[in-house]
Amino acid sequence: MFTRVFALLPLALLATAQSCSSENQYCCNSVQTVSQVTQILPGLSTIFAGVAANTPLGLVCSPLSVIAVAGNSCSQQTVCCKNNNFNGLINVGCNPINANL
């Protein structure tokens, strides 16, 4: 059973990377959950009211397309984000991807 799960995991990651449009791909300094961020910065809890505590947030992100045009690569976490709020300071719903696929 576990063998099947681990065998299918790379395929699931590949599907996530391929289904993420280029405008949703970011290079983020850090990826934390809503609960982790609001524990450190309690003032943000009102902003994330109604957002699930385990929702991943990309922090201090730049669009991957901008980094690629500049000839650089992402040395932090490459992610696919559903929402870009606060001009890249906080991106909501970010899931790690492998940009080298």
PDB file of N, CA and C in Angstrom:
ATOM      1  N   MET A   1       0.820  -1.193   0.000  1.00  0.00           N
ATOM      2  CA  MET A   1       0.000   0.000   0.000  1.00  0.00           C
ATOM      3  C   MET A   1       0.868   1.262   0.000  1.00  0.00           C
ATOM      4  N   PHE A   2       1.855   1.336   0.952  1.00  0.00           N
ATOM      5  CA  PHE A   2       2.712   2.514   1.004  1.00  0.00           C
ATOM      6  C   PHE A   2       3.556   2.637  -0.253  1.00  0.00           C
ATOM      7  N   THR A   3       3.924   1.515  -0.833  1.00  0.00           N
ATOM      8  CA  THR A   3       4.717   1.534  -2.057  1.00  0.00           C
ATOM      9  C   THR A   3       3.946   2.230  -3.167  1.00  0.00           C
ATOM     10  N   ARG A   4       2.660   1.955  -3.252  1.00  0.00           N
ATOM     11  CA  ARG A   4       1.829   2.601  -4.280  1.00  0.00           C
ATOM     12  C   ARG A   4       1.731   4.100  -4.049  1.00  0.00           C
ATOM     13  N   VAL A   5       1.559   4.494  -2.785  1.00  0.00           N
ATOM     14  CA  VAL A   5       1.459   5.923  -2.476  1.00  0.00           C
ATOM     15  C   VAL A   5       2.740   6.636  -2.862  1.00  0.00           C
ATOM     16  N   PHE A   6       3.892   6.081  -2.470  1.00  0.00           N
ATOM     17  CA  PHE A   6       5.162   6.717  -2.806  1.00  0.00           C
ATOM     18  C   PHE A   6       5.452   6.674  -4.299  1.00  0.00           C
ATOM     19  N   ALA A   7       4.966   5.672  -4.985  1.00  0.00           N
ATOM     20  CA  ALA A   7       5.163   5.585  -6.430  1.00  0.00           C
ATOM     21  C   ALA A   7       4.340   6.646  -7.156  1.00  0.00           C
ATOM     22  N   LEU A   8       3.181   6.980  -6.619  1.00  0.00           N
ATOM     23  CA  LEU A   8       2.308   7.965  -7.267  1.00  0.00           C
ATOM     24  C   LEU A   8       2.624   9.399  -6.868  1.00  0.00           C
ATOM     25  N   LEU A   9       3.346   9.600  -5.775  1.00  0.00           N
ATOM     26  CA  LEU A   9       3.644  10.945  -5.314  1.00  0.00           C
ATOM     27  C   LEU A   9       4.355  11.801  -6.361  1.00  0.00           C
ATOM     28  N   PRO A  10       5.401  11.320  -7.041  1.00  0.00           N
ATOM     29  CA  PRO A  10       6.035  12.156  -8.074  1.00  0.00           C
ATOM     30  C   PRO A  10       5.073  12.557  -9.189  1.00  0.00           C
ATOM     31  N   LEU A  11       4.153  11.682  -9.530  1.00  0.00           N
ATOM     32  CA  LEU A  11       3.174  12.019 -10.566  1.00  0.00           C
ATOM     33  C   LEU A  11       2.246  13.117 -10.097  1.00  0.00           C
ATOM     34  N   ALA A  12       1.853  13.076  -8.829  1.00  0.00           N
ATOM     35  CA  ALA A  12       0.994  14.123  -8.286  1.00  0.00           C
ATOM     36  C   ALA A  12       1.719  15.465  -8.267  1.00  0.00           C
ATOM     37  N   LEU A  13       2.991  15.466  -7.891  1.00  0.00           N
ATOM     38  CA  LEU A  13       3.766  16.698  -7.890  1.00  0.00           C
ATOM     39  C   LEU A  13       3.950  17.242  -9.296  1.00  0.00           C
ATOM     40  N   LEU A  14       4.177  16.371 -10.249  1.00  0.00           N
ATOM     41  CA  LEU A  14       4.315  16.789 -11.640  1.00  0.00           C
ATOM     42  C   LEU A  14       3.018  17.406 -12.142  1.00  0.00           C
ATOM     43  N   ALA A  15       1.882  16.800 -11.812  1.00  0.00           N
ATOM     44  CA  ALA A  15       0.583  17.337 -12.238  1.00  0.00           C
ATOM     45  C   ALA A  15       0.357  18.713 -11.635  1.00  0.00           C
ATOM     46  N   THR A  16       0.749  18.915 -10.368  1.00  0.00           N
ATOM     47  CA  THR A  16       0.599  20.226  -9.730  1.00  0.00           C
ATOM     48  C   THR A  16       1.434  21.265 -10.449  1.00  0.00           C
ATOM     49  N   ALA A  17       2.667  20.938 -10.764  1.00  0.00           N
ATOM     50  CA  ALA A  17       3.547  21.888 -11.439  1.00  0.00           C
ATOM     51  C   ALA A  17       3.031  22.213 -12.833  1.00  0.00           C
ATOM     52  N   GLN A  18       2.538  21.214 -13.548  1.00  0.00           N
ATOM     53  CA  GLN A  18       2.069  21.442 -14.903  1.00  0.00           C
ATOM     54  C   GLN A  18       0.749  22.195 -14.927  1.00  0.00           C
ATOM     55  N   SER A  19      -0.075  22.081 -13.881  1.00  0.00           N
ATOM     56  CA  SER A  19      -1.366  22.751 -13.873  1.00  0.00           C
ATOM     57  C   SER A  19      -1.274  24.175 -13.338  1.00  0.00           C
ATOM     58  N   CYS A  20      -0.106  24.596 -12.925  1.00  0.00           N
ATOM     59  CA  CYS A  20       0.089  25.949 -12.401  1.00  0.00           C
ATOM     60  C   CYS A  20       0.505  26.862 -13.548  1.00  0.00           C
ATOM     61  N   SER A  21      -0.334  27.842 -13.840  1.00  0.00           N
ATOM     62  CA  SER A  21       0.001  28.760 -14.928  1.00  0.00           C
ATOM     63  C   SER A  21       1.183  29.636 -14.519  1.00  0.00           C
ATOM     64  N   SER A  22       1.908  30.128 -15.484  1.00  0.00           N
ATOM     65  CA  SER A  22       3.137  30.882 -15.214  1.00  0.00           C
ATOM     66  C   SER A  22       2.878  32.130 -14.376  1.00  0.00           C
ATOM     67  N   GLU A  23       1.717  32.760 -14.517  1.00  0.00           N
ATOM     68  CA  GLU A  23       1.447  33.958 -13.719  1.00  0.00           C
ATOM     69  C   GLU A  23       1.187  33.646 -12.241  1.00  0.00           C
ATOM     70  N   ASN A  24       1.018  32.367 -11.898  1.00  0.00           N
ATOM     71  CA  ASN A  24       0.805  31.965 -10.505  1.00  0.00           C
ATOM     72  C   ASN A  24       2.056  31.367  -9.870  1.00  0.00           C
ATOM     73  N   GLN A  25       3.184  31.379 -10.575  1.00  0.00           N
ATOM     74  CA  GLN A  25       4.424  30.802 -10.051  1.00  0.00           C
ATOM     75  C   GLN A  25       5.292  31.913  -9.457  1.00  0.00           C
ATOM     76  N   TYR A  26       5.726  31.692  -8.215  1.00  0.00           N
ATOM     77  CA  TYR A  26       6.492  32.691  -7.476  1.00  0.00           C
ATOM     78  C   TYR A  26       7.713  32.069  -6.828  1.00  0.00           C
ATOM     79  N   CYS A  27       8.679  32.906  -6.539  1.00  0.00           N
ATOM     80  CA  CYS A  27       9.838  32.541  -5.737  1.00  0.00           C
ATOM     81  C   CYS A  27       9.666  33.285  -4.412  1.00  0.00           C
ATOM     82  N   CYS A  28       9.490  32.532  -3.322  1.00  0.00           N
ATOM     83  CA  CYS A  28       9.202  33.131  -2.020  1.00  0.00           C
ATOM     84  C   CYS A  28      10.348  32.887  -1.043  1.00  0.00           C
ATOM     85  N   ASN A  29      10.604  33.874  -0.206  1.00  0.00           N
ATOM     86  CA  ASN A  29      11.630  33.724   0.824  1.00  0.00           C
ATOM     87  C   ASN A  29      11.244  32.654   1.828  1.00  0.00           C
ATOM     88  N   SER A  30       9.944  32.488   2.054  1.00  0.00           N
ATOM     89  CA  SER A  30       9.473  31.548   3.062  1.00  0.00           C
ATOM     90  C   SER A  30       8.039  31.150   2.754  1.00  0.00           C
ATOM     91  N   VAL A  31       7.659  29.942   3.160  1.00  0.00           N
ATOM     92  CA  VAL A  31       6.269  29.492   3.078  1.00  0.00           C
ATOM     93  C   VAL A  31       5.873  29.025   4.471  1.00  0.00           C
ATOM     94  N   GLN A  32       4.842  29.652   5.019  1.00  0.00           N
ATOM     95  CA  GLN A  32       4.340  29.342   6.358  1.00  0.00           C
ATOM     96  C   GLN A  32       2.823  29.189   6.285  1.00  0.00           C
ATOM     97  N   THR A  33       2.225  28.606   7.310  1.00  0.00           N
ATOM     98  CA  THR A  33       0.769  28.510   7.368  1.00  0.00           C
ATOM     99  C   THR A  33       0.204  29.783   7.998  1.00  0.00           C
ATOM    100  N   VAL A  34      -1.097  29.984   7.820  1.00  0.00           N
ATOM    101  CA  VAL A  34      -1.773  31.132   8.417  1.00  0.00           C
ATOM    102  C   VAL A  34      -1.559  31.134   9.932  1.00  0.00           C
ATOM    103  N   SER A  35      -1.694  29.968  10.569  1.00  0.00           N
ATOM    104  CA  SER A  35      -1.544  29.924  12.030  1.00  0.00           C
ATOM    105  C   SER A  35      -0.125  30.286  12.458  1.00  0.00           C
ATOM    106  N   GLN A  36       0.892  29.869  11.710  1.00  0.00           N
ATOM    107  CA  GLN A  36       2.272  30.222  12.051  1.00  0.00           C
ATOM    108  C   GLN A  36       2.491  31.727  11.942  1.00  0.00           C
ATOM    109  N   VAL A  37       1.967  32.335  10.881  1.00  0.00           N
ATOM    110  CA  VAL A  37       2.153  33.772  10.660  1.00  0.00           C
ATOM    111  C   VAL A  37       1.409  34.580  11.718  1.00  0.00           C
ATOM    112  N   THR A  38       0.172  34.193  12.035  1.00  0.00           N
ATOM    113  CA  THR A  38      -0.603  34.964  13.013  1.00  0.00           C
ATOM    114  C   THR A  38      -0.098  34.775  14.437  1.00  0.00           C
ATOM    115  N   GLN A  39       0.634  33.703  14.714  1.00  0.00           N
ATOM    116  CA  GLN A  39       1.267  33.562  16.027  1.00  0.00           C
ATOM    117  C   GLN A  39       2.411  34.554  16.172  1.00  0.00           C
ATOM    118  N   ILE A  40       3.142  34.764  15.085  1.00  0.00           N
ATOM    119  CA  ILE A  40       4.272  35.698  15.109  1.00  0.00           C
ATOM    120  C   ILE A  40       3.775  37.144  15.029  1.00  0.00           C
ATOM    121  N   LEU A  41       2.776  37.378  14.183  1.00  0.00           N
ATOM    122  CA  LEU A  41       2.219  38.720  13.972  1.00  0.00           C
ATOM    123  C   LEU A  41       0.712  38.691  14.247  1.00  0.00           C
ATOM    124  N   PRO A  42       0.299  38.752  15.505  1.00  0.00           N
ATOM    125  CA  PRO A  42      -1.124  38.626  15.850  1.00  0.00           C
ATOM    126  C   PRO A  42      -2.024  39.673  15.190  1.00  0.00           C
ATOM    127  N   GLY A  43      -1.461  40.811  14.836  1.00  0.00           N
ATOM    128  CA  GLY A  43      -2.248  41.855  14.186  1.00  0.00           C
ATOM    129  C   GLY A  43      -2.808  41.436  12.837  1.00  0.00           C
ATOM    130  N   LEU A  44      -2.202  40.423  12.213  1.00  0.00           N
ATOM    131  CA  LEU A  44      -2.682  39.955  10.911  1.00  0.00           C
ATOM    132  C   LEU A  44      -3.863  39.004  11.027  1.00  0.00           C
ATOM    133  N   SER A  45      -4.219  38.597  12.237  1.00  0.00           N
ATOM    134  CA  SER A  45      -5.304  37.624  12.400  1.00  0.00           C
ATOM    135  C   SER A  45      -6.629  38.157  11.861  1.00  0.00           C
ATOM    136  N   THR A  46      -6.860  39.468  11.920  1.00  0.00           N
ATOM    137  CA  THR A  46      -8.105  40.015  11.372  1.00  0.00           C
ATOM    138  C   THR A  46      -8.119  39.946   9.848  1.00  0.00           C
ATOM    139  N   ILE A  47      -6.947  40.080   9.238  1.00  0.00           N
ATOM    140  CA  ILE A  47      -6.854  40.002   7.777  1.00  0.00           C
ATOM    141  C   ILE A  47      -7.197  38.594   7.302  1.00  0.00           C
ATOM    142  N   PHE A  48      -6.771  37.587   8.080  1.00  0.00           N
ATOM    143  CA  PHE A  48      -6.970  36.201   7.674  1.00  0.00           C
ATOM    144  C   PHE A  48      -8.176  35.547   8.345  1.00  0.00           C
ATOM    145  N   ALA A  49      -9.064  36.348   8.904  1.00  0.00           N
ATOM    146  CA  ALA A  49     -10.290  35.794   9.491  1.00  0.00           C
ATOM    147  C   ALA A  49     -11.061  35.074   8.388  1.00  0.00           C
ATOM    148  N   GLY A  50     -11.461  33.858   8.642  1.00  0.00           N
ATOM    149  CA  GLY A  50     -12.192  33.075   7.650  1.00  0.00           C
ATOM    150  C   GLY A  50     -11.307  32.238   6.747  1.00  0.00           C
ATOM    151  N   VAL A  51      -9.986  32.394   6.858  1.00  0.00           N
ATOM    152  CA  VAL A  51      -9.049  31.586   6.077  1.00  0.00           C
ATOM    153  C   VAL A  51      -8.600  30.427   6.969  1.00  0.00           C
ATOM    154  N   ALA A  52      -8.604  29.221   6.429  1.00  0.00           N
ATOM    155  CA  ALA A  52      -8.224  28.049   7.207  1.00  0.00           C
ATOM    156  C   ALA A  52      -6.821  28.211   7.783  1.00  0.00           C
ATOM    157  N   ALA A  53      -6.625  27.773   9.021  1.00  0.00           N
ATOM    158  CA  ALA A  53      -5.358  27.934   9.734  1.00  0.00           C
ATOM    159  C   ALA A  53      -4.199  27.229   9.037  1.00  0.00           C
ATOM    160  N   ASN A  54      -4.493  26.163   8.297  1.00  0.00           N
ATOM    161  CA  ASN A  54      -3.421  25.409   7.630  1.00  0.00           C
ATOM    162  C   ASN A  54      -3.180  25.872   6.194  1.00  0.00           C
ATOM    163  N   THR A  55      -3.802  26.962   5.775  1.00  0.00           N
ATOM    164  CA  THR A  55      -3.590  27.498   4.427  1.00  0.00           C
ATOM    165  C   THR A  55      -2.159  28.014   4.307  1.00  0.00           C
ATOM    166  N   PRO A  56      -1.410  27.566   3.304  1.00  0.00           N
ATOM    167  CA  PRO A  56      -0.024  28.030   3.160  1.00  0.00           C
ATOM    168  C   PRO A  56       0.046  29.452   2.605  1.00  0.00           C
ATOM    169  N   LEU A  57       0.971  30.218   3.164  1.00  0.00           N
ATOM    170  CA  LEU A  57       1.214  31.584   2.722  1.00  0.00           C
ATOM    171  C   LEU A  57       2.646  31.704   2.228  1.00  0.00           C
ATOM    172  N   GLY A  58       2.816  32.282   1.058  1.00  0.00           N
ATOM    173  CA  GLY A  58       4.151  32.602   0.569  1.00  0.00           C
ATOM    174  C   GLY A  58       4.503  34.000   1.053  1.00  0.00           C
ATOM    175  N   LEU A  59       5.661  34.156   1.660  1.00  0.00           N
ATOM    176  CA  LEU A  59       6.062  35.442   2.224  1.00  0.00           C
ATOM    177  C   LEU A  59       7.225  36.039   1.444  1.00  0.00           C
ATOM    178  N   VAL A  60       7.093  37.291   1.097  1.00  0.00           N
ATOM    179  CA  VAL A  60       8.070  38.061   0.333  1.00  0.00           C
ATOM    180  C   VAL A  60       8.394  37.309  -0.962  1.00  0.00           C
ATOM    181  N   CYS A  61       7.456  37.381  -1.892  1.00  0.00           N
ATOM    182  CA  CYS A  61       7.540  36.621  -3.144  1.00  0.00           C
ATOM    183  C   CYS A  61       7.746  37.526  -4.350  1.00  0.00           C
ATOM    184  N   SER A  62       8.422  36.987  -5.340  1.00  0.00           N
ATOM    185  CA  SER A  62       8.594  37.649  -6.633  1.00  0.00           C
ATOM    186  C   SER A  62       8.089  36.698  -7.704  1.00  0.00           C
ATOM    187  N   PRO A  63       7.425  37.232  -8.736  1.00  0.00           N
ATOM    188  CA  PRO A  63       6.980  36.354  -9.820  1.00  0.00           C
ATOM    189  C   PRO A  63       8.162  35.625 -10.438  1.00  0.00           C
ATOM    190  N   LEU A  64       8.007  34.346 -10.676  1.00  0.00           N
ATOM    191  CA  LEU A  64       9.077  33.546 -11.251  1.00  0.00           C
ATOM    192  C   LEU A  64       9.431  34.040 -12.651  1.00  0.00           C
ATOM    193  N   SER A  65       8.446  34.557 -13.383  1.00  0.00           N
ATOM    194  CA  SER A  65       8.700  35.053 -14.742  1.00  0.00           C
ATOM    195  C   SER A  65       9.649  36.247 -14.727  1.00  0.00           C
ATOM    196  N   VAL A  66       9.559  37.098 -13.723  1.00  0.00           N
ATOM    197  CA  VAL A  66      10.452  38.262 -13.615  1.00  0.00           C
ATOM    198  C   VAL A  66      11.871  37.811 -13.301  1.00  0.00           C
ATOM    199  N   ILE A  67      11.990  36.825 -12.425  1.00  0.00           N
ATOM    200  CA  ILE A  67      13.311  36.308 -12.059  1.00  0.00           C
ATOM    201  C   ILE A  67      13.984  35.666 -13.266  1.00  0.00           C
ATOM    202  N   ALA A  68      13.214  34.916 -14.051  1.00  0.00           N
ATOM    203  CA  ALA A  68      13.758  34.238 -15.223  1.00  0.00           C
ATOM    204  C   ALA A  68      14.212  35.238 -16.285  1.00  0.00           C
ATOM    205  N   VAL A  69      13.446  36.315 -16.490  1.00  0.00           N
ATOM    206  CA  VAL A  69      13.800  37.329 -17.483  1.00  0.00           C
ATOM    207  C   VAL A  69      15.113  38.006 -17.093  1.00  0.00           C
ATOM    208  N   ALA A  70      15.316  38.200 -15.796  1.00  0.00           N
ATOM    209  CA  ALA A  70      16.540  38.849 -15.322  1.00  0.00           C
ATOM    210  C   ALA A  70      17.750  37.920 -15.391  1.00  0.00           C
ATOM    211  N   GLY A  71      17.520  36.653 -15.765  1.00  0.00           N
ATOM    212  CA  GLY A  71      18.618  35.705 -15.886  1.00  0.00           C
ATOM    213  C   GLY A  71      18.997  35.037 -14.581  1.00  0.00           C
ATOM    214  N   ASN A  72      18.189  35.223 -13.562  1.00  0.00           N
ATOM    215  CA  ASN A  72      18.457  34.623 -12.258  1.00  0.00           C
ATOM    216  C   ASN A  72      17.607  33.379 -12.065  1.00  0.00           C
ATOM    217  N   SER A  73      17.893  32.636 -11.013  1.00  0.00           N
ATOM    218  CA  SER A  73      17.060  31.494 -10.658  1.00  0.00           C
ATOM    219  C   SER A  73      16.587  31.672  -9.222  1.00  0.00           C
ATOM    220  N   CYS A  74      15.563  30.933  -8.861  1.00  0.00           N
ATOM    221  CA  CYS A  74      15.008  31.009  -7.519  1.00  0.00           C
ATOM    222  C   CYS A  74      15.844  30.148  -6.583  1.00  0.00           C
ATOM    223  N   SER A  75      16.466  30.776  -5.600  1.00  0.00           N
ATOM    224  CA  SER A  75      17.262  30.012  -4.644  1.00  0.00           C
ATOM    225  C   SER A  75      16.483  29.749  -3.352  1.00  0.00           C
ATOM    226  N   GLN A  76      15.254  30.272  -3.263  1.00  0.00           N
ATOM    227  CA  GLN A  76      14.405  30.001  -2.120  1.00  0.00           C
ATOM    228  C   GLN A  76      13.362  28.961  -2.514  1.00  0.00           C
ATOM    229  N   GLN A  77      12.119  29.153  -2.128  1.00  0.00           N
ATOM    230  CA  GLN A  77      11.047  28.194  -2.388  1.00  0.00           C
ATOM    231  C   GLN A  77      10.234  28.604  -3.611  1.00  0.00           C
ATOM    232  N   THR A  78      10.178  27.733  -4.614  1.00  0.00           N
ATOM    233  CA  THR A  78       9.341  27.970  -5.784  1.00  0.00           C
ATOM    234  C   THR A  78       7.956  27.423  -5.473  1.00  0.00           C
ATOM    235  N   VAL A  79       6.937  28.264  -5.664  1.00  0.00           N
ATOM    236  CA  VAL A  79       5.575  27.889  -5.288  1.00  0.00           C
ATOM    237  C   VAL A  79       4.573  28.287  -6.367  1.00  0.00           C
ATOM    238  N   CYS A  80       3.404  27.665  -6.295  1.00  0.00           N
ATOM    239  CA  CYS A  80       2.258  28.049  -7.109  1.00  0.00           C
ATOM    240  C   CYS A  80       1.218  28.601  -6.152  1.00  0.00           C
ATOM    241  N   CYS A  81       0.824  29.861  -6.343  1.00  0.00           N
ATOM    242  CA  CYS A  81      -0.097  30.530  -5.420  1.00  0.00           C
ATOM    243  C   CYS A  81      -1.430  30.820  -6.094  1.00  0.00           C
ATOM    244  N   LYS A  82      -2.519  30.569  -5.359  1.00  0.00           N
ATOM    245  CA  LYS A  82      -3.856  30.834  -5.871  1.00  0.00           C
ATOM    246  C   LYS A  82      -4.182  32.318  -5.873  1.00  0.00           C
ATOM    247  N   ASN A  83      -3.682  33.050  -4.887  1.00  0.00           N
ATOM    248  CA  ASN A  83      -3.998  34.478  -4.758  1.00  0.00           C
ATOM    249  C   ASN A  83      -2.734  35.254  -4.448  1.00  0.00           C
ATOM    250  N   ASN A  84      -2.583  36.403  -5.079  1.00  0.00           N
ATOM    251  CA  ASN A  84      -1.456  37.278  -4.791  1.00  0.00           C
ATOM    252  C   ASN A  84      -2.010  38.520  -4.124  1.00  0.00           C
ATOM    253  N   ASN A  85      -1.735  38.647  -2.842  1.00  0.00           N
ATOM    254  CA  ASN A  85      -2.203  39.808  -2.082  1.00  0.00           C
ATOM    255  C   ASN A  85      -1.001  40.608  -1.617  1.00  0.00           C
ATOM    256  N   PHE A  86      -1.185  41.890  -1.436  1.00  0.00           N
ATOM    257  CA  PHE A  86      -0.163  42.763  -0.886  1.00  0.00           C
ATOM    258  C   PHE A  86       1.086  42.811  -1.757  1.00  0.00           C
ATOM    259  N   ASN A  87       0.919  42.767  -3.070  1.00  0.00           N
ATOM    260  CA  ASN A  87       2.024  42.934  -4.025  1.00  0.00           C
ATOM    261  C   ASN A  87       3.229  42.035  -3.755  1.00  0.00           C
ATOM    262  N   GLY A  88       2.982  40.781  -3.434  1.00  0.00           N
ATOM    263  CA  GLY A  88       4.060  39.826  -3.238  1.00  0.00           C
ATOM    264  C   GLY A  88       4.546  39.709  -1.815  1.00  0.00           C
ATOM    265  N   LEU A  89       4.134  40.631  -0.930  1.00  0.00           N
ATOM    266  CA  LEU A  89       4.542  40.516   0.465  1.00  0.00           C
ATOM    267  C   LEU A  89       3.935  39.253   1.070  1.00  0.00           C
ATOM    268  N   ILE A  90       2.645  39.008   0.789  1.00  0.00           N
ATOM    269  CA  ILE A  90       1.970  37.793   1.251  1.00  0.00           C
ATOM    270  C   ILE A  90       1.156  37.236   0.094  1.00  0.00           C
ATOM    271  N   ASN A  91       1.423  36.003  -0.281  1.00  0.00           N
ATOM    272  CA  ASN A  91       0.646  35.304  -1.301  1.00  0.00           C
ATOM    273  C   ASN A  91      -0.096  34.164  -0.604  1.00  0.00           C
ATOM    274  N   VAL A  92      -1.371  33.985  -0.927  1.00  0.00           N
ATOM    275  CA  VAL A  92      -2.215  33.010  -0.231  1.00  0.00           C
ATOM    276  C   VAL A  92      -2.368  31.746  -1.065  1.00  0.00           C
ATOM    277  N   GLY A  93      -2.414  30.614  -0.387  1.00  0.00           N
ATOM    278  CA  GLY A  93      -2.649  29.333  -1.051  1.00  0.00           C
ATOM    279  C   GLY A  93      -1.471  28.873  -1.878  1.00  0.00           C
ATOM    280  N   CYS A  94      -0.270  28.939  -1.336  1.00  0.00           N
ATOM    281  CA  CYS A  94       0.952  28.595  -2.064  1.00  0.00           C
ATOM    282  C   CYS A  94       1.376  27.160  -1.802  1.00  0.00           C
ATOM    283  N   ASN A  95       1.538  26.408  -2.860  1.00  0.00           N
ATOM    284  CA  ASN A  95       2.002  25.028  -2.756  1.00  0.00           C
ATOM    285  C   ASN A  95       3.338  24.904  -3.467  1.00  0.00           C
ATOM    286  N   PRO A  96       4.305  24.245  -2.813  1.00  0.00           N
ATOM    287  CA  PRO A  96       5.629  24.088  -3.433  1.00  0.00           C
ATOM    288  C   PRO A  96       5.560  23.348  -4.765  1.00  0.00           C
ATOM    289  N   ILE A  97       6.375  23.793  -5.694  1.00  0.00           N
ATOM    290  CA  ILE A  97       6.499  23.115  -6.982  1.00  0.00           C
ATOM    291  C   ILE A  97       7.985  22.970  -7.297  1.00  0.00           C
ATOM    292  N   ASN A  98       8.282  22.098  -8.226  1.00  0.00           N
ATOM    293  CA  ASN A  98       9.649  21.957  -8.710  1.00  0.00           C
ATOM    294  C   ASN A  98       9.695  22.618 -10.081  1.00  0.00           C
ATOM    295  N   ALA A  99      10.279  23.798 -10.142  1.00  0.00           N
ATOM    296  CA  ALA A  99      10.321  24.559 -11.397  1.00  0.00           C
ATOM    297  C   ALA A  99      11.234  23.935 -12.432  1.00  0.00           C
ATOM    298  N   ASN A 100      12.020  22.942 -12.043  1.00  0.00           N
ATOM    299  CA  ASN A 100      12.940  22.315 -12.978  1.00  0.00           C
ATOM    300  C   ASN A 100      12.311  21.152 -13.740  1.00  0.00           C
ATOM    301  N   LEU A 101      11.020  20.885 -13.513  1.00  0.00           N
ATOM    302  CA  LEU A 101      10.361  19.771 -14.205  1.00  0.00           C
ATOM    303  C   LEU A 101      10.158  20.080 -15.670  1.00  0.00           C
TER     304      LEU A 101
END
